[in-house]
């Protein structure tokens, strides 16, 4: 081989070696995981999934294809079923007695604490 061809092959070999070194430096090993900076104000959401019914299950239970979360009653039937139930008129409720026997000093402390809380909330 003449010298020009040898020089050309040597230069070509050097360039290929440089390319291999740079590509190996850029590529990561397969097992290495790149950790991204985590922002505390950004959260990941679970992707939305659409579920489909297995054909054999649909054949076995044809009603499963219907929207079973919604009521199949008409508006009039729904109102009749709700209003046909008796109210809790038989229930007796006696509210707890009001404690007026608390000393005036504790009432004053309670109102002062309430005022401070409202003032602090207003400044925030």
N, C-alpha and C. Protein backbone atom coordinates (compact mmCIF):
# COMPACT_ATOMS: atom_id res chain seq x y z
N UNK A 1 0.84 -1.17 0.00
CA UNK A 1 0.00 0.00 0.00
C UNK A 1 0.89 1.24 0.00
N UNK A 2 0.39 2.22 -0.65
CA UNK A 2 1.17 3.44 -0.69
C UNK A 2 0.92 4.25 0.58
N UNK A 3 1.71 5.26 0.79
CA UNK A 3 1.68 6.03 2.04
C UNK A 3 0.39 6.83 2.19
N UNK A 4 -0.15 7.33 1.13
CA UNK A 4 -1.40 8.11 1.22
C UNK A 4 -2.55 7.23 1.72
N UNK A 5 -2.62 6.04 1.22
CA UNK A 5 -3.68 5.12 1.65
C UNK A 5 -3.50 4.75 3.12
N UNK A 6 -2.26 4.50 3.53
CA UNK A 6 -1.99 4.16 4.93
C UNK A 6 -2.34 5.32 5.86
N UNK A 7 -1.96 6.53 5.46
CA UNK A 7 -2.28 7.70 6.26
C UNK A 7 -3.80 7.89 6.36
N UNK A 8 -4.49 7.70 5.21
CA UNK A 8 -5.95 7.83 5.20
C UNK A 8 -6.59 6.79 6.13
N UNK A 9 -6.13 5.56 6.08
CA UNK A 9 -6.67 4.51 6.95
C UNK A 9 -6.37 4.79 8.42
N UNK A 10 -5.22 5.31 8.72
CA UNK A 10 -4.86 5.64 10.09
C UNK A 10 -5.75 6.76 10.62
N UNK A 11 -5.95 7.80 9.81
CA UNK A 11 -6.84 8.90 10.22
C UNK A 11 -8.27 8.41 10.40
N UNK A 12 -8.71 7.56 9.48
CA UNK A 12 -10.06 7.01 9.58
C UNK A 12 -10.20 6.16 10.84
N UNK A 13 -9.19 5.38 11.15
CA UNK A 13 -9.20 4.56 12.36
C UNK A 13 -9.24 5.43 13.61
N UNK A 14 -8.48 6.52 13.63
CA UNK A 14 -8.49 7.44 14.78
C UNK A 14 -9.86 8.08 14.96
N UNK A 15 -10.48 8.49 13.85
CA UNK A 15 -11.81 9.11 13.94
C UNK A 15 -12.85 8.12 14.46
N UNK A 16 -12.77 6.89 13.98
CA UNK A 16 -13.71 5.87 14.46
C UNK A 16 -13.50 5.62 15.95
N UNK A 17 -12.26 5.56 16.38
CA UNK A 17 -11.98 5.37 17.81
C UNK A 17 -12.51 6.53 18.65
N UNK A 18 -12.35 7.76 18.14
CA UNK A 18 -12.89 8.92 18.86
C UNK A 18 -14.41 8.85 18.95
N UNK A 19 -15.05 8.46 17.86
CA UNK A 19 -16.50 8.31 17.88
C UNK A 19 -16.94 7.24 18.87
N UNK A 20 -16.23 6.14 18.92
CA UNK A 20 -16.58 5.08 19.86
C UNK A 20 -16.42 5.54 21.30
N UNK A 21 -15.37 6.31 21.57
CA UNK A 21 -15.15 6.82 22.92
C UNK A 21 -16.27 7.77 23.31
N UNK A 22 -16.65 8.68 22.41
CA UNK A 22 -17.71 9.64 22.75
C UNK A 22 -19.06 8.95 22.89
N UNK A 23 -19.37 7.99 22.04
CA UNK A 23 -20.67 7.30 22.17
C UNK A 23 -20.71 6.44 23.42
N UNK A 24 -19.60 5.84 23.80
CA UNK A 24 -19.58 5.05 25.04
C UNK A 24 -19.72 5.95 26.26
N UNK A 25 -19.17 7.16 26.17
CA UNK A 25 -19.30 8.09 27.29
C UNK A 25 -20.73 8.60 27.41
N UNK A 26 -21.41 8.77 26.28
CA UNK A 26 -22.77 9.28 26.30
C UNK A 26 -23.75 8.20 26.73
N UNK A 27 -23.56 6.99 26.25
CA UNK A 27 -24.47 5.90 26.60
C UNK A 27 -24.27 5.51 28.06
N UNK A 28 -25.35 5.10 28.67
CA UNK A 28 -25.30 4.67 30.06
C UNK A 28 -25.33 3.16 30.09
N UNK A 29 -24.79 2.61 31.12
CA UNK A 29 -24.92 1.16 31.27
C UNK A 29 -26.40 0.80 31.39
N UNK A 30 -26.75 -0.41 31.00
CA UNK A 30 -28.16 -0.81 30.95
C UNK A 30 -28.82 -0.83 32.31
N UNK A 31 -28.12 -1.17 33.34
CA UNK A 31 -28.72 -1.26 34.66
C UNK A 31 -28.80 0.06 35.39
N UNK A 32 -28.20 1.09 34.85
CA UNK A 32 -28.15 2.38 35.55
C UNK A 32 -29.44 3.15 35.35
N UNK A 33 -29.97 3.70 36.43
CA UNK A 33 -31.19 4.49 36.38
C UNK A 33 -30.83 5.96 36.57
N UNK A 34 -31.35 6.79 35.70
CA UNK A 34 -31.09 8.22 35.81
C UNK A 34 -32.13 8.81 36.75
N UNK A 35 -31.67 9.48 37.80
CA UNK A 35 -32.59 10.10 38.74
C UNK A 35 -32.79 11.55 38.34
N UNK A 36 -34.04 11.91 38.14
CA UNK A 36 -34.36 13.28 37.81
C UNK A 36 -34.55 14.06 39.10
N UNK A 37 -34.36 15.36 39.01
CA UNK A 37 -34.60 16.20 40.17
C UNK A 37 -36.08 16.19 40.47
N UNK A 38 -36.42 15.93 41.73
CA UNK A 38 -37.82 15.87 42.11
C UNK A 38 -38.26 17.23 42.62
N UNK A 39 -39.36 17.68 42.10
CA UNK A 39 -39.96 18.93 42.54
C UNK A 39 -41.09 18.58 43.48
N UNK A 40 -41.08 19.14 44.67
CA UNK A 40 -42.10 18.80 45.66
C UNK A 40 -43.47 19.32 45.27
N UNK A 41 -43.53 20.23 44.32
CA UNK A 41 -44.81 20.80 43.91
C UNK A 41 -45.41 20.09 42.70
N UNK A 42 -44.70 19.09 42.19
CA UNK A 42 -45.19 18.34 41.04
C UNK A 42 -45.43 16.91 41.48
N UNK A 43 -46.60 16.40 41.19
CA UNK A 43 -46.91 15.02 41.55
C UNK A 43 -47.31 14.26 40.30
N UNK A 44 -47.02 12.99 40.31
CA UNK A 44 -47.37 12.14 39.18
C UNK A 44 -48.75 11.57 39.40
N UNK A 45 -49.52 11.53 38.34
CA UNK A 45 -50.86 10.95 38.40
C UNK A 45 -50.84 9.57 37.76
N UNK A 46 -51.72 8.75 38.25
CA UNK A 46 -51.88 7.44 37.65
C UNK A 46 -52.61 7.62 36.32
N UNK A 47 -52.11 7.01 35.27
CA UNK A 47 -52.79 7.19 33.99
C UNK A 47 -54.19 6.59 34.03
N UNK A 48 -55.09 7.19 33.28
CA UNK A 48 -56.47 6.73 33.23
C UNK A 48 -56.53 5.46 32.39
N UNK A 49 -57.26 4.49 32.89
CA UNK A 49 -57.41 3.22 32.19
C UNK A 49 -58.87 3.00 31.84
N UNK A 50 -59.13 2.54 30.65
CA UNK A 50 -60.47 2.16 30.25
C UNK A 50 -60.56 0.64 30.33
N UNK A 51 -61.52 0.18 31.07
CA UNK A 51 -61.69 -1.26 31.22
C UNK A 51 -62.73 -1.75 30.23
N UNK A 52 -62.44 -2.86 29.63
CA UNK A 52 -63.40 -3.48 28.72
C UNK A 52 -63.81 -4.81 29.31
N UNK A 53 -64.98 -5.25 28.94
CA UNK A 53 -65.54 -6.48 29.49
C UNK A 53 -65.08 -7.65 28.63
N UNK A 54 -64.74 -8.74 29.29
CA UNK A 54 -64.40 -9.95 28.57
C UNK A 54 -65.64 -10.43 27.81
N UNK A 55 -65.49 -10.85 26.57
CA UNK A 55 -66.66 -11.27 25.79
C UNK A 55 -67.43 -12.43 26.43
N UNK A 56 -66.71 -13.38 27.01
CA UNK A 56 -67.40 -14.52 27.64
C UNK A 56 -68.19 -14.07 28.85
N UNK A 57 -67.67 -13.10 29.60
CA UNK A 57 -68.39 -12.59 30.75
C UNK A 57 -69.64 -11.83 30.30
N UNK A 58 -69.53 -11.10 29.22
CA UNK A 58 -70.69 -10.38 28.69
C UNK A 58 -71.77 -11.34 28.20
N UNK A 59 -71.35 -12.46 27.63
CA UNK A 59 -72.33 -13.47 27.22
C UNK A 59 -73.02 -14.09 28.42
N UNK A 60 -72.26 -14.33 29.49
CA UNK A 60 -72.83 -14.96 30.68
C UNK A 60 -73.73 -14.00 31.44
N UNK A 61 -73.35 -12.73 31.52
CA UNK A 61 -74.13 -11.72 32.25
C UNK A 61 -74.38 -10.54 31.33
N UNK A 62 -75.42 -10.58 30.53
CA UNK A 62 -75.66 -9.47 29.59
C UNK A 62 -75.93 -8.14 30.28
N UNK A 63 -76.45 -8.18 31.50
CA UNK A 63 -76.76 -6.93 32.19
C UNK A 63 -75.52 -6.20 32.67
N UNK A 64 -74.36 -6.84 32.60
CA UNK A 64 -73.14 -6.19 33.08
C UNK A 64 -72.72 -5.06 32.14
N UNK A 65 -73.18 -5.10 30.90
CA UNK A 65 -72.85 -4.04 29.95
C UNK A 65 -73.58 -2.75 30.21
N UNK A 66 -74.64 -2.81 31.01
CA UNK A 66 -75.40 -1.61 31.33
C UNK A 66 -74.68 -0.81 32.40
N UNK A 67 -75.02 0.45 32.50
CA UNK A 67 -74.43 1.31 33.51
C UNK A 67 -75.14 1.04 34.83
N UNK A 68 -74.57 0.15 35.63
CA UNK A 68 -75.27 -0.26 36.85
C UNK A 68 -75.03 0.69 38.01
N UNK A 69 -74.25 1.74 37.81
CA UNK A 69 -74.08 2.73 38.88
C UNK A 69 -75.21 3.75 38.88
N UNK A 70 -75.91 3.86 37.81
CA UNK A 70 -77.01 4.82 37.73
C UNK A 70 -78.31 4.11 38.03
N UNK A 71 -79.25 4.87 38.52
CA UNK A 71 -80.56 4.32 38.84
C UNK A 71 -81.34 4.10 37.55
N UNK A 72 -82.01 2.95 37.46
CA UNK A 72 -82.81 2.65 36.29
C UNK A 72 -84.25 3.09 36.47
N UNK A 73 -84.52 3.78 37.57
CA UNK A 73 -85.88 4.26 37.82
C UNK A 73 -86.10 5.58 37.09
N UNK A 74 -87.32 5.80 36.72
CA UNK A 74 -87.65 7.11 36.16
C UNK A 74 -87.68 8.12 37.30
N UNK A 75 -87.71 9.38 36.96
CA UNK A 75 -87.71 10.43 37.99
C UNK A 75 -88.93 10.30 38.90
N UNK A 76 -90.08 10.00 38.32
CA UNK A 76 -91.31 9.88 39.12
C UNK A 76 -91.22 8.68 40.06
N UNK A 77 -90.76 7.53 39.54
CA UNK A 77 -90.63 6.34 40.38
C UNK A 77 -89.61 6.57 41.50
N UNK A 78 -88.53 7.26 41.18
CA UNK A 78 -87.51 7.53 42.19
C UNK A 78 -88.08 8.40 43.31
N UNK A 79 -88.82 9.44 42.95
CA UNK A 79 -89.41 10.32 43.97
C UNK A 79 -90.43 9.57 44.81
N UNK A 80 -91.23 8.72 44.17
CA UNK A 80 -92.22 7.95 44.92
C UNK A 80 -91.54 7.00 45.90
N UNK A 81 -90.45 6.38 45.49
CA UNK A 81 -89.78 5.45 46.40
C UNK A 81 -89.12 6.18 47.56
N UNK A 82 -88.62 7.38 47.31
CA UNK A 82 -88.01 8.15 48.40
C UNK A 82 -89.07 8.65 49.36
N UNK A 83 -90.16 9.19 48.84
CA UNK A 83 -91.19 9.77 49.70
C UNK A 83 -92.11 8.73 50.33
N UNK A 84 -92.03 7.49 49.88
CA UNK A 84 -92.86 6.46 50.49
C UNK A 84 -92.28 6.01 51.83
N UNK A 85 -91.01 6.25 52.05
CA UNK A 85 -90.40 5.89 53.33
C UNK A 85 -90.86 6.89 54.39
N UNK A 86 -91.17 6.35 55.56
CA UNK A 86 -91.61 7.24 56.64
C UNK A 86 -90.42 8.01 57.17
N UNK A 87 -90.71 9.20 57.59
CA UNK A 87 -89.65 10.01 58.19
C UNK A 87 -89.40 9.52 59.60
N UNK A 88 -88.43 10.08 60.20
CA UNK A 88 -88.08 9.65 61.55
C UNK A 88 -88.93 10.39 62.57
N UNK A 89 -90.24 10.38 62.38
CA UNK A 89 -91.13 11.09 63.30
C UNK A 89 -91.22 10.37 64.64
N UNK A 90 -90.99 9.09 64.65
CA UNK A 90 -91.05 8.36 65.91
C UNK A 90 -89.80 8.55 66.75
N UNK A 91 -88.81 9.15 66.21
CA UNK A 91 -87.55 9.34 66.94
C UNK A 91 -87.68 10.53 67.88
N UNK A 92 -87.26 10.32 69.09
CA UNK A 92 -87.30 11.41 70.07
C UNK A 92 -85.88 11.89 70.31
N UNK A 93 -85.71 13.18 70.19
CA UNK A 93 -84.39 13.76 70.37
C UNK A 93 -84.47 14.81 71.46
N UNK A 94 -83.60 14.70 72.40
CA UNK A 94 -83.53 15.72 73.45
C UNK A 94 -82.12 16.30 73.43
N UNK A 95 -81.99 17.55 73.04
CA UNK A 95 -80.66 18.16 72.98
C UNK A 95 -80.08 18.29 74.38
N UNK A 96 -78.77 18.30 74.47
CA UNK A 96 -78.14 18.45 75.78
C UNK A 96 -78.47 19.81 76.38
N UNK A 97 -78.57 19.87 77.69
CA UNK A 97 -78.89 21.15 78.32
C UNK A 97 -77.74 22.15 78.17
N UNK A 98 -78.08 23.41 78.08
CA UNK A 98 -77.08 24.47 77.97
C UNK A 98 -76.50 24.71 79.36
N UNK A 99 -75.19 24.78 79.41
CA UNK A 99 -74.52 24.95 80.69
C UNK A 99 -74.33 26.44 80.95
N UNK A 100 -75.28 27.05 81.66
CA UNK A 100 -75.17 28.46 82.01
C UNK A 100 -74.47 28.65 83.35
N UNK A 101 -74.09 27.58 83.97
CA UNK A 101 -73.49 27.70 85.30
C UNK A 101 -71.98 27.91 85.24
N UNK A 102 -71.40 28.03 84.06
CA UNK A 102 -69.97 28.25 83.97
C UNK A 102 -69.63 29.62 84.52
N UNK A 103 -68.51 29.75 85.22
CA UNK A 103 -68.13 31.05 85.78
C UNK A 103 -67.84 32.07 84.68
N UNK A 104 -68.03 33.33 85.01
CA UNK A 104 -67.85 34.41 84.04
C UNK A 104 -66.40 34.50 83.55
N UNK A 105 -65.44 34.14 84.40
CA UNK A 105 -64.03 34.23 83.99
C UNK A 105 -63.73 33.25 82.86
N UNK A 106 -64.30 32.06 82.89
CA UNK A 106 -64.04 31.11 81.81
C UNK A 106 -64.71 31.56 80.52
N UNK A 107 -65.87 32.19 80.62
CA UNK A 107 -66.53 32.71 79.43
C UNK A 107 -65.69 33.81 78.80
N UNK A 108 -65.06 34.65 79.66
CA UNK A 108 -64.23 35.74 79.16
C UNK A 108 -62.99 35.19 78.47
N UNK A 109 -62.39 34.15 79.04
CA UNK A 109 -61.20 33.54 78.44
C UNK A 109 -61.56 32.95 77.08
N UNK A 110 -62.71 32.29 77.00
CA UNK A 110 -63.14 31.70 75.73
C UNK A 110 -63.33 32.77 74.66
N UNK A 111 -63.95 33.89 75.02
CA UNK A 111 -64.20 34.94 74.03
C UNK A 111 -62.89 35.61 73.62
N UNK A 112 -61.94 35.77 74.56
CA UNK A 112 -60.64 36.36 74.23
C UNK A 112 -59.88 35.45 73.28
N UNK A 113 -59.90 34.16 73.55
CA UNK A 113 -59.22 33.20 72.68
C UNK A 113 -59.84 33.20 71.28
N UNK A 114 -61.15 33.28 71.21
CA UNK A 114 -61.83 33.33 69.92
C UNK A 114 -61.44 34.60 69.16
N UNK A 115 -61.37 35.74 69.87
CA UNK A 115 -61.00 37.00 69.24
C UNK A 115 -59.58 36.92 68.69
N UNK A 116 -58.65 36.36 69.47
CA UNK A 116 -57.26 36.25 69.01
C UNK A 116 -57.16 35.33 67.80
N UNK A 117 -57.89 34.25 67.81
CA UNK A 117 -57.86 33.31 66.69
C UNK A 117 -58.38 33.97 65.43
N UNK A 118 -59.48 34.72 65.56
CA UNK A 118 -60.04 35.39 64.40
C UNK A 118 -59.10 36.48 63.89
N UNK A 119 -58.45 37.18 64.81
CA UNK A 119 -57.52 38.23 64.42
C UNK A 119 -56.31 37.64 63.70
N UNK A 120 -55.80 36.53 64.21
CA UNK A 120 -54.66 35.87 63.58
C UNK A 120 -55.03 35.35 62.20
N UNK A 121 -56.22 34.79 62.08
CA UNK A 121 -56.67 34.27 60.78
C UNK A 121 -56.87 35.41 59.79
N UNK A 122 -57.29 36.57 60.28
CA UNK A 122 -57.49 37.72 59.40
C UNK A 122 -56.19 38.29 58.89
N UNK A 123 -55.11 38.18 59.68
CA UNK A 123 -53.81 38.71 59.28
C UNK A 123 -53.08 37.76 58.34
N UNK A 124 -53.45 36.52 58.34
CA UNK A 124 -52.74 35.53 57.52
C UNK A 124 -53.09 35.62 56.06
